[in-house]
Amino acid sequence: MDVAFLSETLQKLLAGFPLTVNLAVLSLAGGGVLALLLNMARASGWLGARLADAYVFLFRGSPLLIQIFLIYYGLGNFPAVRESFLWPFLREPYWCALLALVLNDAAYTSEILRGGFRAVPRGAVEAAEACGMSRLTRLRRITLPIAIRQALPAYSNEVISMFKSTALASTVTLMEVTGIARAEVSATYRAIEIFLCAAVLYLISTLLITRGLRLLETRLSPWLAGNRA
């Protein structure tokens, strides 16, 4: 192993790290909002539930890589898309990759939230109703906080999975960590050292995310800390 080459490679890969974080954070934020809307659609009636179920089935049942390719390469084949106000965004690889990540994350997060909502004690909801809280107030003060707390352990896995999934953005020419690694391999043919450096970056990031989410889980559910110890 050439230590000097490894150090130089790490510096180059770090240049793509902000884009990796950007894609991960925005996809999780957008996916979380869309997942909440999907669960609201499920509660709105038969039609909303069927549409939400179809959406989840579609995006959970197909690979994320295929979804990125369909959005990046496929949407441009429709004249209505090219002539719409969305085309300046959809012709850019960044927005196509981000859109695919958001849509994919929403499908998985909606199922995680669905389990969290089901875990909300019926007594808590009835107590809120007895206090005269409106449906929106119950959602904001009672149902959603409890559901998020219940869903956090499973959602931690989705956060880590989505962070690693940003590597697929390199397939549509985005130069995040994996994109830079692939370019460096093409230039130097030293795949082992370069991809090892990329793996170390992802591993360290995953470790930090795991620790952060565990601290958040402990803060939201302090009575569980003793059980883990």
Foldseek 3Di string as FASTA:
>chain_A
DDPVVLVVLLVLQVVQAVVLVVLLVLLLVLLLVLLVVLVVLCVPDDVSVVVSVVLLCVLVVDDLLVQLCCQAVPVVVDVVCCPDPCNVQSPDLSSSNSVSSNSNSNSVVSVLLVVLLVPQDPVQVVVCVVVVDDPVRCCVPGRVLSSCLVSLVVVLVSSLVSSVVSLSSLVVPRCHSNVSLVVVCVVPVPNVSNVVSSVVVSVVVSVVSVVVSVVVSCVSPVVCVVVVD
